[in-house]
Protein backbone atom coordinates (compact mmCIF):
# COMPACT_ATOMS: atom_id res chain seq x y z
CA MET A 1 26.91 -25.77 -92.86
CA PRO A 2 25.40 -29.19 -91.93
CA ASP A 3 22.89 -30.89 -94.24
CA LEU A 4 19.38 -30.34 -92.76
CA SER A 5 17.39 -32.15 -95.45
CA ASP A 6 14.80 -34.70 -94.31
CA PRO A 7 16.80 -37.81 -95.30
CA ALA A 8 19.90 -36.49 -93.51
CA VAL A 9 17.93 -35.70 -90.34
CA HIS A 10 16.28 -39.16 -90.42
CA LYS A 11 19.65 -40.86 -90.87
CA LEU A 12 21.19 -38.89 -87.98
CA THR A 13 18.18 -39.65 -85.73
CA ALA A 14 18.43 -43.38 -86.51
CA GLU A 15 22.16 -43.37 -85.70
CA ILE A 16 21.57 -41.64 -82.36
CA LEU A 17 18.72 -43.96 -81.37
CA ALA A 18 20.82 -47.01 -82.32
CA ARG A 19 23.29 -46.21 -79.52
CA PRO A 20 23.08 -48.56 -76.47
CA GLU A 21 22.07 -45.81 -74.06
CA TYR A 22 18.88 -45.25 -76.09
CA GLY A 23 18.03 -48.95 -76.39
CA GLN A 24 15.26 -48.77 -73.77
CA ALA A 25 13.80 -45.63 -75.36
CA THR A 26 13.11 -47.45 -78.62
CA GLY A 27 11.23 -50.13 -76.73
CA GLY A 28 13.33 -53.14 -77.75
CA ASP A 29 11.71 -56.54 -77.52
CA PRO A 30 8.76 -56.95 -75.15
CA ILE A 31 9.60 -58.76 -71.93
CA LEU A 32 7.59 -61.81 -72.95
CA VAL A 33 9.62 -62.16 -76.16
CA ARG A 34 12.87 -61.84 -74.19
CA LEU A 35 11.68 -64.41 -71.65
CA LEU A 36 10.68 -66.84 -74.39
CA SER A 37 14.01 -66.30 -76.13
CA TRP A 38 15.88 -67.01 -72.88
CA LEU A 39 13.82 -70.15 -72.28
CA LEU A 40 14.57 -71.43 -75.79
CA ASP A 41 18.30 -70.73 -75.26
CA GLU A 42 18.23 -72.72 -72.02
CA LEU A 43 16.40 -75.60 -73.71
CA GLY A 44 19.07 -75.52 -76.41
CA LYS A 45 21.70 -75.88 -73.69
CA LEU A 46 19.78 -78.88 -72.31
CA GLU A 47 19.94 -80.49 -75.74
CA ILE A 48 23.72 -80.06 -75.69
CA LEU A 49 23.75 -81.52 -72.17
CA ARG A 50 21.84 -84.60 -73.41
CA VAL A 51 24.68 -85.39 -75.77
CA GLU A 52 27.63 -84.40 -73.56
CA ALA A 53 26.35 -85.43 -70.08
CA PRO A 54 23.33 -87.75 -70.38
CA VAL A 55 23.21 -88.53 -66.62
CA ILE A 56 22.79 -84.87 -65.67
CA TYR A 57 20.30 -84.36 -68.50
CA TRP A 58 18.08 -87.28 -67.41
CA THR A 59 18.35 -86.23 -63.76
CA ILE A 60 17.05 -82.76 -64.66
CA MET A 61 14.26 -84.32 -66.77
CA ALA A 62 13.27 -86.64 -63.88
CA VAL A 63 13.12 -83.71 -61.43
CA ILE A 64 10.95 -81.69 -63.85
CA ALA A 65 8.66 -84.71 -64.37
CA LEU A 66 8.35 -85.27 -60.60
CA VAL A 67 7.49 -81.61 -59.97
CA LEU A 68 4.82 -81.65 -62.70
CA ALA A 69 3.40 -84.95 -61.41
CA GLY A 70 3.32 -83.56 -57.85
CA MET A 71 1.51 -80.42 -58.98
CA THR A 72 -1.04 -82.50 -60.90
CA VAL A 73 -1.68 -84.81 -57.92
CA HIS A 74 -2.03 -81.80 -55.60
CA LEU A 75 -4.53 -80.17 -57.96
CA ILE A 76 -6.59 -83.37 -58.25
CA TRP A 77 -6.51 -83.89 -54.48
CA THR A 78 -7.59 -80.27 -53.80
CA LEU A 79 -10.51 -80.56 -56.24
CA TRP A 80 -11.52 -83.93 -54.77
CA VAL A 81 -11.54 -82.54 -51.21
CA ALA A 82 -13.55 -79.48 -52.29
CA LEU A 83 -16.10 -81.51 -54.24
CA SER A 84 -16.51 -84.25 -51.64
CA ALA A 85 -17.02 -81.85 -48.71
CA PRO A 86 -20.44 -82.27 -47.09
CA GLU A 87 -23.18 -79.70 -47.47
CA PRO A 88 -23.07 -76.91 -44.85
CA ALA A 89 -24.47 -78.12 -41.58
CA ALA A 90 -28.08 -77.12 -41.05
CA GLU A 91 -27.99 -77.30 -37.24
CA ARG A 92 -27.50 -73.55 -36.91
CA TRP A 93 -30.65 -72.88 -38.96
CA GLU A 94 -32.62 -75.64 -37.26
CA GLY A 95 -31.70 -74.11 -33.91
CA LEU A 96 -32.77 -70.74 -35.27
CA SER A 97 -36.18 -72.12 -36.21
CA ARG A 98 -36.72 -73.51 -32.69
CA ARG A 99 -35.88 -70.23 -30.94
CA ASP A 100 -38.45 -67.51 -30.31
CA LEU A 101 -36.45 -64.69 -31.85
CA ALA A 102 -39.21 -62.12 -31.40
CA GLN A 103 -39.31 -62.80 -27.66
CA GLU A 104 -35.48 -62.59 -27.48
CA ALA A 105 -35.64 -59.26 -29.32
CA GLU A 106 -38.22 -57.93 -26.87
CA ALA A 107 -36.03 -58.90 -23.91
CA LEU A 108 -32.95 -57.30 -25.49
CA ALA A 109 -34.87 -54.09 -26.22
CA ALA A 110 -36.15 -53.98 -22.62
CA ASP A 111 -32.49 -54.19 -21.57
CA GLY A 112 -31.65 -51.24 -23.87
CA ARG A 113 -29.75 -53.36 -26.41
CA TYR A 114 -31.68 -52.10 -29.43
CA LEU A 115 -29.23 -53.05 -32.18
CA GLU A 116 -29.08 -56.67 -31.02
CA ALA A 117 -32.86 -56.67 -30.73
CA ALA A 118 -33.18 -55.32 -34.28
CA HIS A 119 -30.79 -58.03 -35.49
CA ARG A 120 -32.95 -60.73 -33.84
CA LEU A 121 -36.07 -59.30 -35.49
CA MET A 122 -34.27 -59.26 -38.84
CA LEU A 123 -33.56 -63.00 -38.41
CA ALA A 124 -37.15 -63.58 -37.27
CA SER A 125 -38.37 -61.76 -40.41
CA PHE A 126 -36.14 -63.94 -42.61
CA ARG A 127 -37.61 -67.03 -40.95
CA ALA A 128 -41.16 -65.74 -41.43
CA LEU A 129 -40.46 -65.07 -45.12
CA ALA A 130 -38.92 -68.53 -45.55
CA GLU A 131 -41.90 -70.20 -43.85
CA ARG A 132 -44.19 -68.43 -46.35
CA SER A 133 -41.88 -69.60 -49.20
CA VAL A 134 -41.11 -66.01 -50.17
CA ILE A 135 -37.37 -66.68 -49.91
CA GLU A 136 -35.23 -69.76 -49.41
CA LEU A 137 -33.29 -69.53 -46.15
CA ARG A 138 -29.85 -71.14 -46.42
CA PRO A 139 -26.70 -70.59 -44.37
CA ASP A 140 -24.55 -69.93 -47.44
CA ARG A 141 -26.75 -67.07 -48.70
CA PRO A 142 -25.61 -63.55 -47.74
CA ASN A 143 -27.99 -60.71 -46.93
CA ARG A 144 -27.30 -59.16 -50.35
CA TRP A 145 -28.78 -62.29 -51.95
CA ILE A 146 -31.82 -62.04 -49.65
CA ARG A 147 -32.39 -58.40 -50.70
CA THR A 148 -32.28 -59.41 -54.38
CA ALA A 149 -34.55 -62.41 -53.76
CA LEU A 150 -37.09 -60.17 -52.02
CA LEU A 151 -37.31 -57.87 -55.06
CA ARG A 152 -37.95 -60.90 -57.31
CA SER A 153 -40.42 -62.49 -54.90
CA SER A 154 -44.21 -62.38 -54.62
CA LEU A 155 -43.89 -59.88 -51.76
CA ALA A 156 -45.34 -56.43 -52.46
CA GLU A 157 -42.68 -54.22 -54.01
CA GLY A 158 -43.00 -51.52 -51.35
CA MET A 159 -42.56 -54.04 -48.55
CA ALA A 160 -39.62 -55.70 -50.36
CA LEU A 161 -37.87 -52.34 -50.79
CA GLU A 162 -38.53 -51.41 -47.16
CA ILE A 163 -37.11 -54.70 -45.85
CA GLY A 164 -34.13 -54.41 -48.21
CA ALA A 165 -33.36 -50.91 -46.92
CA LEU A 166 -33.72 -52.10 -43.31
CA ILE A 167 -31.34 -55.02 -43.94
CA GLU A 168 -28.77 -52.65 -45.43
CA GLN A 169 -29.10 -50.17 -42.56
CA THR A 170 -28.84 -52.95 -39.95
CA GLU A 171 -25.72 -54.35 -41.62
CA ARG A 172 -24.13 -50.89 -41.68
CA LEU A 173 -24.77 -50.45 -37.95
CA TRP A 174 -23.90 -54.06 -37.05
CA PHE A 175 -20.57 -54.08 -38.87
CA GLY A 176 -19.85 -50.36 -38.45
CA ASP A 177 -19.89 -48.29 -35.29
CA ARG A 178 -22.62 -50.50 -33.67
CA GLN A 179 -24.64 -47.43 -32.72
CA ASN A 180 -27.42 -48.59 -30.38
CA ASP A 181 -30.28 -46.91 -32.23
CA PRO A 182 -33.80 -47.54 -30.83
CA GLY A 183 -35.22 -46.37 -34.17
CA ILE A 184 -33.88 -49.38 -36.10
CA TYR A 185 -35.49 -51.72 -33.55
CA ALA A 186 -38.82 -49.89 -33.83
CA ARG A 187 -38.76 -50.15 -37.64
CA TRP A 188 -37.93 -53.87 -37.54
CA ARG A 189 -40.66 -54.47 -34.97
CA SER A 190 -43.23 -52.72 -37.16
CA THR A 191 -42.07 -54.67 -40.23
CA PHE A 192 -42.09 -58.01 -38.40
CA GLU A 193 -45.60 -57.39 -37.04
CA ARG A 194 -46.87 -56.58 -40.56
CA LEU A 195 -45.26 -59.75 -41.91
CA CYS A 196 -46.90 -61.80 -39.18
CA ALA A 197 -50.27 -60.14 -39.85
CA GLN A 198 -50.02 -60.92 -43.58
CA ALA A 199 -49.26 -64.57 -42.80
CA THR A 200 -52.49 -65.04 -40.80
């Protein structure tokens, strides 16, 4: 009868797990350790190459140095281009301030293009808020930033929440199925008129 004591079972288990087919089951070395070990082996071979074939060794070293230098120059150039780029052009926003967006919205609504009209009134509302210094209107600021800025602004909380919800609903329609909803135009028109009334 085989020995089933704990030490005998442990010894038999260790022998089975030591077999090559179970090498992966025991985990072995992590991949990073194996990669580092391989890299050190290759560097050891380079050291041998330095003694036995110095021309090949120094050629490899020169190629590595050139690649590293090229990567460094590319990184510096990329950062320089990014940091020296001019500020976003303000023409689009200057043009926006010269246009009568409320009148454009009215014409679009009369033509039955309610979503476009609501979008124009949203832009007109942003301009009105910027003119009152409630928010800062910049081309690099997304609507999500405007919603957050409204909640932190001097605007009444109810009005800020209402405009934030309208912005979100307009975005969903504008970038979604573009449903031509007259209700969204009516809500923006009411909001814009209240903003204009508060400014006077």
